[in-house]
Protein backbone atom coordinates (compact mmCIF):
# COMPACT_ATOMS: atom_id res chain seq x y z
CA MET A 1 9.63 -10.42 9.74
CA LEU A 2 13.02 -12.36 10.05
CA THR A 3 16.08 -10.99 11.48
CA SER A 4 19.74 -11.33 12.06
CA CYS A 5 20.83 -12.63 15.89
CA GLU A 6 21.88 -9.12 16.43
CA ILE A 7 20.26 -6.12 15.35
CA ASN A 8 22.26 -3.26 17.46
CA GLU A 9 24.30 -2.10 14.75
CA ILE A 10 22.14 -2.49 12.20
CA CYS A 11 19.50 -0.39 14.37
CA GLY A 12 22.04 2.43 15.29
CA ALA A 13 23.24 2.85 11.16
CA LEU A 14 18.91 3.06 10.26
CA SER A 15 18.65 5.69 13.12
CA LEU A 16 21.56 8.00 11.52
CA ALA A 17 20.62 7.58 7.93
CA GLN A 18 16.71 8.59 9.11
CA GLY A 19 17.69 11.36 10.34
CA GLU A 20 19.13 12.13 6.94
CA LEU A 21 16.53 11.31 5.07
CA SER A 22 14.11 13.52 3.61
CA PRO A 23 10.70 12.32 1.32
CA ALA A 24 10.91 11.07 -1.82
CA PRO A 25 10.09 13.76 -4.25
CA PHE A 26 6.46 12.68 -5.42
CA ASP A 27 7.07 12.89 -9.14
CA LYS A 28 3.68 10.97 -10.34
CA LYS A 29 0.10 11.44 -10.51
CA ASN A 30 -2.49 9.25 -10.06
CA PRO A 31 -5.47 11.24 -11.93
CA HIS A 32 -8.19 8.81 -10.93
CA LEU A 33 -7.51 10.25 -7.01
CA ASN A 34 -5.87 13.38 -7.34
CA SER A 35 -3.19 12.19 -5.47
CA LYS A 36 0.67 12.55 -5.61
CA TYR A 37 2.82 9.68 -5.00
CA ALA A 38 6.88 8.99 -5.38
CA SER A 39 8.19 6.46 -7.95
CA LEU A 40 10.54 3.30 -6.98
CA ALA A 41 13.33 5.38 -8.72
CA SER A 42 12.90 8.12 -7.18
CA CYS A 43 12.44 6.66 -3.67
CA ARG A 44 16.14 4.61 -4.28
CA GLN A 45 17.44 7.97 -5.91
CA SER A 46 16.69 10.11 -3.02
CA SER A 47 17.75 7.63 -0.66
CA LYS A 48 20.57 5.22 -1.68
CA GLU A 49 23.66 7.96 -0.74
CA ILE A 50 22.49 8.35 2.49
CA LEU A 51 22.15 4.31 3.34
CA SER A 52 25.44 4.03 1.40
CA ARG A 53 26.87 6.44 3.88
CA HIS A 54 25.75 4.49 7.07
CA GLY A 55 26.88 0.89 5.28
CA LEU A 56 23.46 0.08 4.67
CA SER A 57 21.69 -1.83 1.31
CA VAL A 58 18.25 -2.56 0.16
CA THR A 59 17.81 -5.87 -2.05
CA GLN A 60 14.70 -7.16 -3.18
CA PHE A 61 13.38 -10.17 -4.87
CA SER A 62 10.28 -11.31 -6.90
CA LEU A 63 8.46 -14.02 -5.82
CA THR A 64 5.85 -16.14 -7.20
CA ASN A 65 2.56 -18.60 -5.85
CA TRP A 66 1.11 -19.70 -9.75
CA LEU A 67 -0.96 -21.93 -7.59
CA ASP A 68 -3.08 -18.90 -5.75
CA GLY A 69 -2.59 -16.19 -8.26
CA LEU A 70 -0.11 -14.50 -6.50
CA VAL A 71 2.94 -12.36 -6.62
CA GLY A 72 5.18 -11.25 -4.27
CA VAL A 73 8.49 -9.06 -2.90
CA THR A 74 10.99 -10.18 0.12
CA THR A 75 12.81 -7.14 1.00
CA ARG A 76 16.11 -7.30 2.94
CA LEU A 77 17.65 -4.57 4.33
CA THR A 78 21.15 -5.01 5.19
CA HIS A 79 24.11 -3.53 7.29
CA LYS A 80 27.41 -3.70 6.40
CA SER A 81 27.69 -5.63 9.90
CA GLY A 82 25.92 -8.64 8.09
CA GLN A 83 22.74 -8.15 10.50
CA PHE A 84 19.69 -7.73 8.43
CA PHE A 85 16.00 -7.19 8.53
CA GLU A 86 14.27 -8.87 6.08
CA GLU A 87 10.23 -9.20 4.78
CA THR A 88 7.93 -10.64 2.11
CA ALA A 89 4.97 -8.78 0.96
CA TRP A 90 2.83 -10.49 -1.30
CA CYS A 91 -0.33 -9.34 -3.15
CA LYS A 92 -2.82 -10.61 -6.19
CA PRO A 93 -2.42 -8.95 -9.71
CA LYS A 94 -5.26 -8.31 -11.80
CA SER A 95 -4.54 -11.26 -14.05
CA LEU A 96 -0.98 -13.13 -14.47
CA GLY A 97 -0.09 -11.38 -17.63
CA PRO A 98 3.48 -10.21 -17.99
CA GLN A 99 2.06 -6.25 -17.48
CA ASP A 100 -0.18 -6.90 -14.69
CA VAL A 101 2.11 -8.87 -12.55
CA GLY A 102 5.31 -6.91 -13.52
CA SER A 103 2.84 -3.54 -12.26
CA ALA A 104 1.84 -5.67 -8.88
CA ILE A 105 5.56 -6.34 -7.91
CA THR A 106 6.26 -2.51 -8.92
CA TYR A 107 3.66 -1.47 -6.80
CA LEU A 108 5.17 -3.97 -3.98
CA LYS A 109 8.70 -3.07 -4.31
CA ARG A 110 8.07 0.80 -3.97
CA TYR A 111 5.83 0.49 -0.72
CA ALA A 112 8.26 -2.06 1.04
CA TYR A 113 11.37 -0.32 0.27
CA SER A 114 10.07 2.99 1.89
CA ALA A 115 8.69 0.69 4.84
CA ALA A 116 11.93 -1.01 5.22
CA ILE A 117 13.73 2.32 5.48
CA GLY A 118 11.17 4.62 6.80
CA GLN A 119 10.81 7.05 4.09
CA VAL A 120 7.76 9.10 3.18
CA SER A 121 6.78 7.90 -0.48
CA ASP A 122 3.03 9.46 -0.50
CA ASP A 123 1.58 12.28 -0.48
CA ASP A 124 -0.51 12.90 3.36
CA ASP A 125 -2.06 15.90 2.67
CA ASP A 126 -3.89 14.62 -0.53
CA GLY A 127 -4.77 11.30 1.41
CA ASN A 128 -6.65 13.16 3.95
CA GLN A 129 -8.73 15.15 1.39
CA ALA A 130 -9.61 12.17 -0.46
CA GLN A 131 -11.08 10.96 3.15
CA GLY A 132 -13.11 13.96 3.53
CA LEU A 133 -11.17 15.45 6.52
CA ASN A 134 -12.11 19.20 7.65
CA GLY A 135 -8.44 21.23 7.90
CA ALA A 136 -9.87 24.03 9.39
CA THR A 137 -11.85 21.88 12.26
CA GLY A 138 -10.41 18.59 12.11
CA ALA A 139 -14.35 17.63 11.44
CA GLN A 140 -14.66 14.19 9.75
CA LYS A 141 -17.11 14.25 6.56
CA GLN A 142 -18.94 11.27 6.14
CA THR A 143 -19.72 11.81 2.33
CA PRO A 144 -18.67 9.79 -0.88
CA ALA A 145 -15.46 12.36 -2.50
CA PRO A 146 -15.80 13.07 -5.72
CA GLN A 147 -13.66 10.84 -7.46
CA GLN A 148 -15.53 7.82 -6.29
CA LYS A 149 -18.41 8.74 -8.34
CA SER A 150 -19.44 7.39 -11.04
CA ALA A 151 -22.14 8.36 -14.21
CA ASP A 152 -24.00 5.19 -12.73
CA GLY A 153 -24.22 6.49 -9.00
CA LEU A 154 -22.68 5.63 -5.91
CA ALA A 155 -20.62 1.93 -5.83
CA PRO A 156 -22.27 -0.38 -4.17
CA ASN A 157 -22.18 -0.93 -0.27
CA SER A 158 -20.87 2.95 0.02
CA ASP A 159 -22.77 3.51 3.00
CA TYR A 160 -21.61 0.83 4.87
CA VAL A 161 -19.78 1.66 8.30
CA ILE A 162 -16.27 -0.27 8.91
CA GLN A 163 -16.95 -2.13 12.48
CA VAL A 164 -13.54 -3.74 12.83
CA GLY A 165 -10.08 -2.51 13.15
CA LYS A 166 -8.86 0.35 15.45
CA LYS A 167 -7.72 2.46 12.75
CA TRP A 168 -10.68 2.86 10.18
CA ILE A 169 -13.63 2.25 12.20
CA GLY A 170 -16.68 4.08 12.47
CA ARG A 171 -15.46 4.82 8.94
CA ASN A 172 -18.21 4.47 5.75
CA LEU A 173 -16.51 2.64 2.56
CA ALA A 174 -17.20 6.09 0.79
CA SER A 175 -15.40 8.38 2.61
CA MET A 176 -12.20 6.20 2.54
CA ASN A 177 -8.75 6.12 0.22
CA LEU A 178 -9.48 3.42 -2.32
CA ASN A 179 -5.53 3.16 -1.41
CA ASP A 180 -6.33 2.36 1.90
CA LEU A 181 -9.45 0.67 1.33
CA ALA A 182 -7.52 -2.28 -0.81
CA GLU A 183 -4.76 -2.48 1.56
CA TYR A 184 -7.07 -2.96 4.26
CA VAL A 185 -9.00 -6.11 2.08
CA ASP A 186 -5.13 -7.59 1.39
CA TYR A 187 -4.52 -7.68 5.34
CA PHE A 188 -7.01 -9.86 5.51
CA HIS A 189 -6.68 -11.80 2.83
CA ARG A 190 -2.79 -12.38 3.61
CA THR A 191 -3.35 -12.66 7.49
CA SER A 192 -5.84 -15.31 6.86
CA LYS A 193 -3.87 -17.57 4.29
CA GLN A 194 -0.60 -16.99 6.86
CA THR A 195 -2.28 -18.47 10.11
CA GLY A 196 -4.85 -21.02 8.35
CA LYS A 197 -7.80 -19.28 10.07
CA PRO A 198 -10.83 -18.52 8.16
CA ILE A 199 -11.92 -14.57 8.09
CA GLU A 200 -15.51 -14.35 9.84
CA GLY A 201 -17.45 -12.14 12.18
CA LYS A 202 -17.16 -8.51 11.93
CA ALA A 203 -13.94 -9.08 9.39
CA MET A 204 -15.83 -10.72 7.07
CA GLU A 205 -18.85 -8.65 7.05
CA PHE A 206 -16.30 -5.76 5.61
CA MET A 207 -14.87 -8.03 3.35
CA GLN A 208 -18.25 -8.93 2.14
CA HIS A 209 -19.11 -5.20 1.56
CA ALA A 210 -15.72 -3.82 0.94
CA GLU A 211 -14.47 -5.96 -2.40
CA PRO A 212 -17.66 -5.55 -4.27
CA TYR A 213 -17.28 -1.45 -3.51
CA ILE A 214 -13.90 -2.04 -4.60
CA ALA A 215 -14.53 -4.23 -7.61
CA PHE A 216 -16.93 -1.17 -9.05
CA PHE A 217 -13.83 1.40 -9.83
CA LYS A 218 -11.55 -1.55 -10.94
CA THR A 219 -13.87 -2.39 -13.76
CA LYS A 220 -16.06 0.70 -14.58
CA ALA A 221 -13.23 2.02 -17.11
CA PRO A 222 -11.01 -0.09 -19.37
CA SER A 223 -8.07 -1.09 -18.41
CA ASP A 224 -5.85 1.13 -20.77
CA GLU A 225 -7.44 3.91 -19.91
CA MET A 226 -7.25 3.03 -16.20
CA PRO A 227 -4.45 4.92 -14.15
CA GLU A 228 -1.39 3.20 -13.22
CA TYR A 229 -2.68 3.14 -9.55
CA MET A 230 -5.60 1.27 -9.87
CA ASN A 231 -3.81 -1.96 -12.08
CA ASP A 232 -1.77 -1.71 -8.59
CA VAL A 233 -4.17 -2.41 -6.50
CA PRO A 234 -3.60 -5.51 -4.41
CA PHE A 235 -6.77 -7.48 -4.35
């Protein structure tokens, strides 16, 4: 992440703004995962007056890396003093056609915007349900989420147990929210590219199991019948 030399002004303003921000209205629904989320328009509309009141603005620029088939978005949170925070996120769209590229850019803008200002834009309760958590006991159920089954049975590697990282270690693929899983896969690709180091060990083992699992759902339905969310998954 890039920042200005001084960040005291922007940190103070952002702290005050976050005290006034509420979760963005969930105006979109992902029928594949039966979850709700806030569109980019909803995030901007619900936060722009609060940000402006505290001298903050968000600017986003789209980027392309045609050689590697990647698209990216640079997000800069700026304070009226000139201080700023800036970060760039990349993903690989389904294809380099204009519709898929536009969908990927919108996806990155939405998540990057919410992350920059600290605003909730996803339905956390639905995420818990998709991950198989029992709300009454807090116990984790290692059973496939209903929406991750198909007429042909379970996806490949659905019982593979993740053995890398702290957040998801011990979880099997079938119990994971597809959005979280795709983000985790993208994290390893992005880190490898940025550091120039190959993916090895448990991380490589995870990738070899997770990528076919995600691809299974990506290819089960014609692209024109797939929900917006699945066209946005960054892999």
